Protein backbone atom coordinates (compact mmCIF):
# COMPACT_ATOMS: atom_id res chain seq x y z
CA MET A 1 64.27 -6.57 77.55
CA HIS A 2 66.17 -8.36 74.77
CA VAL A 3 64.29 -10.12 71.96
CA LEU A 4 65.83 -12.57 69.48
CA LEU A 5 63.92 -13.14 66.22
CA VAL A 6 64.78 -16.45 64.55
CA ARG A 7 64.11 -17.86 61.10
CA PRO A 8 65.05 -21.56 61.12
CA LYS A 9 67.28 -23.14 58.52
CA SER A 10 65.63 -24.84 55.56
CA LEU A 11 65.45 -28.59 55.06
CA SER A 12 65.86 -28.67 51.29
CA MET A 13 65.32 -32.18 49.96
CA ILE A 14 66.06 -31.40 46.33
CA SER A 15 69.20 -29.32 45.98
CA ASN A 16 71.92 -27.62 47.99
CA VAL A 17 71.48 -24.55 45.76
CA ASP A 18 69.27 -21.84 47.28
CA VAL A 19 67.31 -20.89 44.16
CA ILE A 20 64.55 -19.27 46.22
CA ASN A 21 65.75 -17.45 49.33
CA LEU A 22 63.34 -14.70 50.31
CA GLU A 23 63.82 -11.77 52.63
CA PRO A 24 62.55 -12.55 56.18
CA LEU A 25 59.82 -9.90 56.00
CA GLU A 26 57.80 -11.31 58.92
CA LEU A 27 60.80 -10.89 61.23
CA GLU A 28 61.53 -7.42 59.86
CA TYR A 29 58.00 -6.36 60.80
CA LEU A 30 58.55 -7.66 64.34
CA TYR A 31 61.94 -5.93 64.44
CA THR A 32 60.20 -2.67 63.49
CA ILE A 33 57.67 -3.06 66.31
CA ALA A 34 60.51 -3.75 68.76
CA LEU A 35 62.26 -0.55 67.67
CA GLU A 36 59.03 1.41 68.14
CA GLU A 37 58.71 -0.04 71.66
CA LYS A 38 62.40 0.75 72.37
CA VAL A 39 63.22 -2.93 72.90
CA LYS A 40 66.66 -4.24 71.96
CA CYS A 41 66.17 -6.76 69.18
CA GLN A 42 68.23 -8.91 66.82
CA ILE A 43 67.39 -11.04 63.75
CA LEU A 44 69.00 -14.46 63.36
CA ASP A 45 68.33 -15.76 59.85
CA CYS A 46 69.62 -19.32 59.99
CA LEU A 47 69.30 -19.62 56.21
CA LEU A 48 72.31 -17.31 56.00
CA ASP A 49 73.90 -17.03 59.43
CA LYS A 50 76.19 -19.95 60.22
CA ARG A 51 76.37 -19.24 63.98
CA SER A 52 74.73 -21.79 66.23
CA LEU A 53 71.62 -20.83 68.17
CA ILE A 54 73.47 -21.55 71.43
CA ASP A 55 76.29 -19.15 70.51
CA VAL A 56 73.77 -16.37 69.75
CA LEU A 57 71.90 -17.03 73.02
CA LYS A 58 75.15 -16.68 74.94
CA GLU A 59 76.17 -13.53 73.09
CA PHE A 60 72.81 -11.70 73.04
CA THR A 61 71.20 -13.01 76.29
CA PRO A 62 67.57 -12.64 75.16
CA ASP A 63 64.56 -12.59 77.48
CA LEU A 64 62.25 -13.65 74.64
CA VAL A 65 63.00 -15.80 71.58
CA VAL A 66 60.53 -15.62 68.68
CA ILE A 67 60.70 -18.47 66.15
CA GLY A 68 58.78 -18.14 62.89
CA GLY A 69 58.66 -20.68 60.08
CA TYR A 70 56.68 -22.70 57.58
CA ILE A 71 55.20 -26.17 57.68
CA THR A 72 58.40 -27.93 56.56
CA GLN A 73 60.27 -26.24 59.43
CA GLU A 74 57.94 -27.49 62.17
CA ALA A 75 60.39 -30.05 63.58
CA ILE A 76 63.23 -27.50 63.56
CA MET A 77 61.05 -24.90 65.30
CA LEU A 78 60.22 -27.41 68.04
CA ASP A 79 63.87 -28.39 68.29
CA TYR A 80 64.94 -24.75 68.60
CA SER A 81 62.42 -24.24 71.42
CA LYS A 82 63.98 -27.18 73.29
CA THR A 83 67.47 -25.77 72.72
CA VAL A 84 66.42 -22.44 74.23
CA LYS A 85 64.83 -24.03 77.31
CA VAL A 86 67.76 -26.39 77.93
CA TYR A 87 70.13 -23.43 77.75
CA ASN A 88 67.99 -21.25 80.04
CA ALA A 89 64.50 -22.28 81.13
CA SER A 90 63.62 -18.70 82.12
CA ILE A 91 63.79 -17.47 78.51
CA LYS A 92 60.31 -17.19 77.03
CA VAL A 93 59.67 -18.82 73.63
CA MET A 94 57.10 -17.54 71.16
CA ILE A 95 56.11 -19.35 67.94
CA GLY A 96 54.62 -17.60 64.89
CA GLY A 97 54.24 -17.84 61.13
CA VAL A 98 51.46 -18.99 58.82
CA HIS A 99 51.72 -22.67 59.79
CA ALA A 100 51.33 -21.88 63.49
CA GLN A 101 48.46 -19.48 62.77
CA VAL A 102 46.27 -22.27 61.43
CA ASN A 103 47.78 -25.33 63.13
CA TYR A 104 48.66 -23.83 66.52
CA GLU A 105 47.75 -27.01 68.43
CA ARG A 106 50.75 -28.76 66.87
CA PHE A 107 52.93 -26.49 69.02
CA TYR A 108 51.29 -27.24 72.36
CA THR A 109 54.47 -28.35 74.17
CA ASP A 110 56.13 -27.44 77.45
CA THR A 111 59.10 -25.80 75.68
CA ILE A 112 56.87 -23.12 74.14
CA ASP A 113 55.22 -20.30 76.08
CA TYR A 114 53.20 -18.40 73.47
CA ILE A 115 51.81 -19.13 70.00
CA VAL A 116 50.56 -16.32 67.78
CA HIS A 117 47.56 -17.43 65.70
CA SER A 118 47.01 -14.03 64.10
CA SER A 119 48.61 -12.13 61.21
CA SER A 120 48.38 -8.96 63.28
CA LEU A 121 51.48 -7.44 64.90
CA GLU A 122 49.48 -6.30 67.93
CA PRO A 123 49.93 -9.50 69.99
CA PHE A 124 53.72 -9.10 69.74
CA ARG A 125 53.54 -5.41 70.62
CA LYS A 126 51.38 -6.09 73.69
CA ILE A 127 53.65 -8.87 74.92
CA LEU A 128 56.62 -6.50 74.66
CA ARG A 129 54.71 -3.95 76.73
CA LEU A 130 54.27 -6.52 79.50
CA GLY A 131 58.05 -6.47 79.87
CA THR A 132 60.19 -9.27 81.25
CA VAL A 133 57.67 -10.37 83.91
CA LEU A 134 54.92 -11.45 81.47
CA GLN A 135 52.24 -12.33 83.99
CA ASN A 136 49.37 -14.53 82.78
CA THR A 137 46.92 -11.90 84.01
CA GLY A 138 48.22 -9.65 81.25
CA LEU A 139 48.23 -12.42 78.65
CA LYS A 140 44.50 -13.04 79.11
CA ALA A 141 43.79 -9.67 77.53
CA ILE A 142 45.89 -10.27 74.38
CA ASP A 143 43.77 -11.48 71.47
CA GLY A 144 45.39 -13.65 68.81
CA ILE A 145 47.61 -15.78 71.07
CA CYS A 146 47.69 -19.14 72.83
CA TYR A 147 49.58 -19.39 76.11
CA ARG A 148 50.25 -21.93 78.86
CA GLU A 149 48.66 -21.62 82.28
CA ASP A 150 50.29 -24.27 84.47
CA LYS A 151 50.10 -27.26 82.11
CA THR A 152 46.96 -26.15 80.28
CA TRP A 153 46.95 -24.28 76.98
CA ILE A 154 44.60 -21.29 76.72
CA MET A 155 43.53 -20.03 73.30
CA ASN A 156 42.45 -16.39 73.25
CA LYS A 157 39.98 -15.21 70.64
CA SER A 158 41.14 -14.58 67.08
CA LEU A 159 42.38 -11.21 65.86
CA PRO A 160 42.08 -10.50 62.12
CA ILE A 161 44.61 -8.00 60.79
CA ASN A 162 43.91 -4.55 59.45
CA PRO A 163 46.65 -4.34 56.77
CA ASP A 164 46.61 -0.53 56.86
CA ASP A 165 47.98 -0.70 60.41
CA LEU A 166 51.22 -2.28 59.14
CA PRO A 167 54.28 -0.04 59.55
CA ILE A 168 56.82 0.36 56.79
CA PRO A 169 59.29 -2.33 57.85
CA ASP A 170 62.82 -1.56 58.89
CA ARG A 171 64.90 -3.30 56.22
CA SER A 172 68.36 -2.81 57.71
CA HIS A 173 68.81 -6.60 57.84
CA PHE A 174 67.85 -6.96 54.17
CA ASN A 175 70.02 -4.03 53.11
CA ALA A 176 73.06 -5.63 54.76
CA ASN A 177 72.42 -9.00 53.09
CA LYS A 178 70.45 -8.22 49.92
CA HIS A 179 72.91 -10.00 47.64
CA LEU A 180 71.87 -13.28 49.29
CA TYR A 181 68.12 -12.93 48.70
CA ARG A 182 66.70 -14.11 45.39
CA TYR A 183 63.72 -15.58 43.60
CA LEU A 184 64.97 -17.93 40.87
CA GLY A 185 66.96 -15.72 38.48
CA PHE A 186 65.76 -12.47 40.05
CA SER A 187 68.48 -11.28 42.41
CA PRO A 188 68.65 -9.32 44.63
CA CYS A 189 64.94 -9.37 45.33
CA ALA A 190 62.92 -7.61 48.05
CA ILE A 191 59.43 -8.74 49.04
CA VAL A 192 56.31 -6.73 49.86
CA LYS A 193 53.04 -7.89 51.44
CA THR A 194 49.89 -6.01 50.38
CA ALA A 195 47.09 -8.42 51.37
CA PHE A 196 46.25 -11.38 53.58
CA SER A 197 44.30 -14.56 52.77
CA CYS A 198 42.62 -15.13 49.39
CA PRO A 199 39.01 -14.66 48.21
CA TYR A 200 39.02 -17.76 45.98
CA GLN A 201 38.00 -21.27 47.02
CA CYS A 202 40.60 -23.70 45.58
CA ASN A 203 40.15 -26.77 47.77
CA PHE A 204 43.85 -27.64 48.02
CA CYS A 205 45.02 -24.17 49.03
CA PHE A 206 46.22 -23.25 52.51
CA CYS A 207 46.45 -19.52 51.76
CA ARG A 208 42.73 -18.85 52.09
CA LYS A 209 42.84 -20.16 55.69
CA ILE A 210 45.11 -17.31 56.78
CA ASN A 211 43.60 -14.40 58.73
CA ASP A 212 40.57 -16.53 59.72
CA GLY A 213 39.74 -16.85 56.03
CA GLN A 214 39.09 -13.10 55.72
CA TYR A 215 40.66 -11.47 52.68
CA ALA A 216 42.05 -8.05 53.61
CA ALA A 217 44.07 -5.69 51.39
CA ARG A 218 46.22 -2.66 52.21
CA ASN A 219 45.54 0.79 50.84
CA ILE A 220 47.50 0.73 47.60
CA ASP A 221 48.83 4.26 48.17
CA LEU A 222 50.60 2.97 51.31
CA VAL A 223 51.99 0.03 49.34
CA VAL A 224 53.52 2.27 46.66
CA GLU A 225 54.93 4.57 49.34
CA GLU A 226 56.72 1.56 50.82
CA ILE A 227 58.00 0.35 47.43
CA ALA A 228 59.39 3.80 46.60
CA GLY A 229 61.63 3.63 49.66
CA ILE A 230 63.06 0.13 49.09
CA ALA A 231 66.71 0.11 47.99
CA CYS A 232 66.31 -2.80 45.60
CA ASP A 233 65.54 -2.94 41.87
CA THR A 234 63.33 -6.06 41.98
CA ILE A 235 60.14 -6.16 44.05
CA HIS A 236 58.30 -9.45 44.59
CA ILE A 237 54.75 -8.84 45.86
CA VAL A 238 54.02 -12.03 47.75
CA ASP A 239 50.23 -11.77 48.13
CA ASP A 240 48.57 -15.08 47.37
CA THR A 241 46.94 -13.30 44.43
CA PHE A 242 47.78 -9.64 43.80
CA LEU A 243 45.78 -9.27 40.60
CA ILE A 244 42.23 -9.40 41.96
CA ASN A 245 40.61 -5.96 42.07
CA ARG A 246 40.90 -4.11 38.75
CA GLU A 247 40.48 -0.67 40.33
CA ARG A 248 43.22 -1.40 42.88
CA VAL A 249 45.63 -2.72 40.25
CA ASN A 250 44.99 0.26 37.96
CA ARG A 251 45.64 2.61 40.88
CA PHE A 252 48.92 0.77 41.53
CA ILE A 253 49.97 1.21 37.89
CA ALA A 254 49.03 4.91 37.91
CA LEU A 255 50.99 5.59 41.12
CA ILE A 256 54.10 3.78 39.85
CA LYS A 257 54.01 5.99 36.75
CA GLU A 258 53.18 9.17 38.68
CA LYS A 259 56.06 8.69 41.10
CA ASN A 260 58.40 7.62 38.27
CA ILE A 261 59.38 4.41 40.11
CA LYS A 262 61.78 2.40 37.99
CA LYS A 263 61.77 -1.15 39.31
CA SER A 264 61.06 -4.67 38.15
CA PHE A 265 58.03 -6.47 39.58
CA ILE A 266 56.89 -10.03 40.21
CA PHE A 267 53.27 -10.80 41.15
CA TYR A 268 50.93 -13.73 41.70
CA SER A 269 47.78 -14.02 39.60
CA ARG A 270 45.11 -16.42 38.48
CA ALA A 271 45.03 -17.37 34.79
CA ASP A 272 41.50 -16.02 34.28
CA PHE A 273 42.47 -12.51 35.45
CA VAL A 274 45.34 -12.43 32.96
CA VAL A 275 43.15 -13.54 30.06
CA GLU A 276 40.24 -11.23 30.91
CA ASN A 277 42.31 -8.07 31.48
CA GLU A 278 44.63 -7.55 28.53
CA ALA A 279 44.81 -3.77 28.99
CA ILE A 280 46.00 -4.21 32.59
CA ILE A 281 48.57 -6.84 31.61
CA LYS A 282 49.91 -4.54 28.90
CA ALA A 283 50.18 -1.68 31.40
CA LEU A 284 51.91 -3.93 33.97
CA GLY A 285 54.47 -4.87 31.34
CA ALA A 286 55.06 -1.20 30.59
CA ILE A 287 55.86 -0.33 34.24
CA GLY A 288 58.49 -3.06 34.55
CA THR A 289 56.70 -6.32 35.39
CA LYS A 290 59.13 -9.14 34.61
CA GLY A 291 57.20 -12.15 35.85
CA ILE A 292 53.73 -13.23 36.95
CA ILE A 293 53.43 -16.42 38.99
CA VAL A 294 50.35 -18.35 37.89
CA GLY A 295 48.96 -21.54 39.39
CA LEU A 296 48.07 -23.28 36.15
CA GLU A 297 48.03 -26.55 38.17
CA ALA A 298 47.15 -28.96 35.34
CA VAL A 299 46.79 -29.27 31.58
CA ASP A 300 43.58 -31.30 31.45
CA ASP A 301 40.12 -30.10 32.40
CA GLY A 302 39.31 -33.08 34.60
CA ALA A 303 42.16 -32.35 37.01
CA LEU A 304 41.40 -28.61 37.02
CA ASN A 305 37.77 -29.30 37.94
CA ALA A 306 38.87 -31.66 40.74
CA TYR A 307 41.01 -28.88 42.23
CA GLY A 308 38.11 -26.41 42.11
CA LYS A 309 40.15 -24.05 39.91
CA GLN A 310 37.25 -22.85 37.73
CA SER A 311 39.70 -22.89 34.85
CA SER A 312 40.46 -24.92 31.73
CA GLN A 313 43.36 -26.14 29.62
CA ASP A 314 42.44 -23.62 26.93
CA LEU A 315 42.37 -20.77 29.46
CA ASN A 316 45.82 -21.77 30.71
CA LYS A 317 47.17 -21.68 27.18
CA GLN A 318 45.63 -18.25 26.57
CA CYS A 319 47.21 -17.00 29.82
CA VAL A 320 50.70 -18.07 28.76
CA LYS A 321 50.30 -16.46 25.33
CA MET A 322 48.93 -13.22 26.78
CA LEU A 323 51.94 -12.80 29.07
CA GLN A 324 54.36 -13.66 26.28
CA LYS A 325 52.69 -11.03 24.07
CA TYR A 326 53.69 -8.32 26.55
CA HIS A 327 57.15 -9.77 27.34
CA ILE A 328 56.22 -10.91 30.84
CA GLU A 329 57.48 -14.30 31.97
CA CYS A 330 54.79 -16.75 33.04
CA LEU A 331 56.20 -18.43 36.15
CA ALA A 332 53.94 -21.46 35.96
CA LEU A 333 53.05 -23.73 38.90
CA PHE A 334 51.72 -27.24 38.30
CA ILE A 335 50.57 -30.16 40.47
CA VAL A 336 50.96 -33.86 39.66
CA ASP A 337 48.31 -36.01 41.29
CA ILE A 338 48.91 -39.31 43.09
CA HIS A 339 46.77 -40.92 40.34
CA ALA A 340 49.16 -39.72 37.62
CA THR A 341 50.52 -42.15 35.05
CA LYS A 342 53.78 -41.96 33.15
CA MET A 343 51.78 -40.65 30.20
CA ASP A 344 50.48 -37.78 32.36
CA PHE A 345 54.07 -36.74 33.16
CA ASP A 346 55.01 -36.94 29.48
CA ASN A 347 51.93 -34.95 28.42
CA LEU A 348 52.72 -32.23 30.97
CA TYR A 349 56.28 -31.83 29.70
CA GLN A 350 55.11 -31.77 26.08
CA TRP A 351 52.51 -29.10 26.89
CA ILE A 352 55.10 -26.95 28.67
CA GLU A 353 57.49 -27.30 25.75
CA LYS A 354 54.76 -26.62 23.16
CA VAL A 355 53.58 -23.35 24.72
CA GLU A 356 57.25 -22.31 25.19
CA LEU A 357 57.17 -21.84 28.94
CA LYS A 358 60.60 -20.94 30.30
CA TYR A 359 59.72 -21.24 33.99
CA ALA A 360 57.72 -24.26 35.16
CA SER A 361 57.60 -25.74 38.64
CA VAL A 362 55.85 -29.06 39.32
CA SER A 363 54.69 -30.03 42.82
CA ILE A 364 53.46 -33.38 44.06
CA PHE A 365 49.87 -33.29 45.32
CA THR A 366 50.10 -32.69 49.09
CA PRO A 367 47.07 -32.16 51.35
CA ILE A 368 48.01 -29.45 53.86
CA PRO A 369 46.91 -29.52 57.52
CA GLY A 370 44.13 -27.00 58.01
CA THR A 371 42.49 -27.56 54.61
CA ALA A 372 39.43 -29.65 53.73
CA LEU A 373 41.62 -31.88 51.56
CA PHE A 374 43.75 -32.79 54.55
CA ASP A 375 40.70 -34.00 56.44
CA GLN A 376 39.74 -36.03 53.37
CA TYR A 377 43.12 -37.75 53.09
CA LYS A 378 44.46 -37.80 56.67
CA ASP A 379 43.73 -41.51 57.16
CA LYS A 380 45.78 -42.34 54.06
CA LEU A 381 48.95 -40.44 54.94
CA THR A 382 52.20 -42.41 54.77
CA THR A 383 54.11 -40.09 57.11
CA GLU A 384 53.47 -37.51 59.81
CA LYS A 385 56.86 -35.77 59.41
CA MET A 386 56.10 -32.23 58.29
CA GLN A 387 59.51 -31.81 56.62
CA TYR A 388 58.09 -33.92 53.80
CA TRP A 389 55.29 -31.40 53.18
CA ASP A 390 57.54 -29.54 50.72
CA PHE A 391 55.50 -30.61 47.64
CA LEU A 392 58.52 -32.61 46.50
CA HIS A 393 57.69 -35.79 48.41
CA LEU A 394 54.89 -38.30 48.40
CA VAL A 395 52.86 -38.23 51.60
CA LEU A 396 50.24 -40.50 50.02
CA GLU A 397 50.72 -43.72 48.07
CA PRO A 398 50.48 -43.30 44.29
CA THR A 399 47.73 -45.40 42.74
CA ASN A 400 48.98 -46.08 39.20
CA MET A 401 52.69 -46.59 39.82
CA SER A 402 54.91 -47.93 42.54
CA ARG A 403 56.40 -45.33 44.85
CA LYS A 404 59.86 -45.65 43.31
CA SER A 405 58.49 -45.53 39.75
CA PHE A 406 56.55 -42.35 40.59
CA TYR A 407 59.66 -40.71 42.01
CA LEU A 408 61.73 -41.81 39.03
CA VAL A 409 59.45 -40.14 36.47
CA TYR A 410 59.00 -37.09 38.74
CA TYR A 411 62.74 -36.61 39.17
CA LYS A 412 63.24 -37.08 35.44
CA LEU A 413 60.64 -34.35 34.77
CA PHE A 414 62.27 -32.07 37.35
CA LEU A 415 65.68 -32.33 35.67
CA LYS A 416 64.23 -31.99 32.16
CA LEU A 417 62.44 -28.78 33.15
CA SER A 418 65.62 -27.43 34.75
CA LEU A 419 67.53 -28.07 31.53
CA LEU A 420 64.69 -26.65 29.41
CA GLY A 421 64.78 -23.44 31.46
CA LYS A 422 68.55 -23.25 31.06
CA LYS A 423 68.21 -23.78 27.32
CA ASN A 424 65.67 -20.95 27.17
CA GLY A 425 68.03 -18.51 28.87
CA VAL A 426 66.79 -18.65 32.48
CA TYR A 427 67.83 -20.63 35.57
CA ASP A 428 71.35 -19.22 35.80
CA PHE A 429 71.99 -21.59 38.72
CA VAL A 430 71.67 -24.70 36.54
CA ASP A 431 75.08 -26.10 35.60
CA MET A 432 76.65 -29.54 35.60
CA GLN A 433 77.45 -29.29 39.31
CA TYR A 434 73.79 -28.51 40.05
CA ILE A 435 72.64 -31.45 37.91
CA ARG A 436 75.12 -33.84 39.55
CA ASN A 437 74.24 -32.71 43.10
CA THR A 438 70.50 -32.87 42.43
CA ALA A 439 70.79 -36.31 40.79
CA LYS A 440 72.71 -37.59 43.85
CA ILE A 441 69.97 -36.35 46.17
CA PHE A 442 67.33 -37.98 43.99
CA PHE A 443 69.23 -41.26 43.99
CA ARG A 444 69.56 -41.18 47.80
CA ASN A 445 65.84 -40.53 48.15
CA LEU A 446 65.06 -43.46 45.85
CA ILE A 447 67.27 -45.77 47.90
CA LYS A 448 65.62 -44.62 51.13
CA GLY A 449 62.18 -45.04 49.60
CA LEU A 450 61.12 -41.53 50.62
């Protein structure tokens, strides 16, 4: 049996510069399972590999093609499935990834055979054990998947993951291409997953829907064992929020010291954890933490309350100052609402400048399928094309500006923040060519009325 693991190309609507290009960890986990099951397997990362899917199909002759991606890649994933079936209808196609886990019904088409709606690796392992025949009688016993029976889709019961069952992933693909993987100015950068879902209740967030909404964390000793073996100096822990359990974080710090691991770290956190745990933040800085990604979201209390953040403008400011005190970059994430005015954009930039943030990313409010907010706004959507769910496009009409005026002030803010980061010594990718290319893309989007 031959298995091809595919990560689709990205549809970047902002820049042709890959400022965030993360290791395909999900595929590396599947690759590891395939090795354990003695199945010949290959990774095709279309973000990097310029070969066409057809050429790889001809060269590798897979029996099963697994396509994993995010919400903005939905159309490409469906297109890839069609390409596979047109080339050879006998090849089985499996779809996975966090978007498919929650919104699996969007992939109910006759060019797809299986959809994995679980974070667990067991559905993939069990399908490999069925071999090339893959009878539906065997599929009925595999929890965590949807499959077609004649023209009817069958959804098997859910299968929450036990994170401690995760193997240490085979990173041979990453090791051969590590110079191409980065997070902003952190390059090369490896990623590690230590937990699934999120215990908090932010009403706009998709992350808490993962794993059937059940937060589950790996034994931190296993996590540190994995990190110790990674041949990369920068480790990005991609949990939706790593800094949750004080005891777990303190154990992580102690193990990094005990094993004398000398690496740089990037984590996600909430602002309140940073402010309420100064001793932990100080210790994280001492073991090599270079950046903490924080969803500050807004700089006024009204907007923060509307998002269910249980935070405040003052808390956000304290968070930034706390991280600066211990020489950790605050990689701040913000949202601009469809009700925003030009003054709101100006106030946001002034706040960012005043607190001396070097890294600031601003997203446009986007209700994500699978969340309560999506159900609230679905009748007001201006498009159904998922490639526009990149947080850089309006999928709802703004209420206090015309569409073009909103984009104009948003693009202006985007460029100003890029230049501010450059001025503050970060964003090494920002140069005149980047500014010109990005401005051209913005202008094209304005003309098209996107």
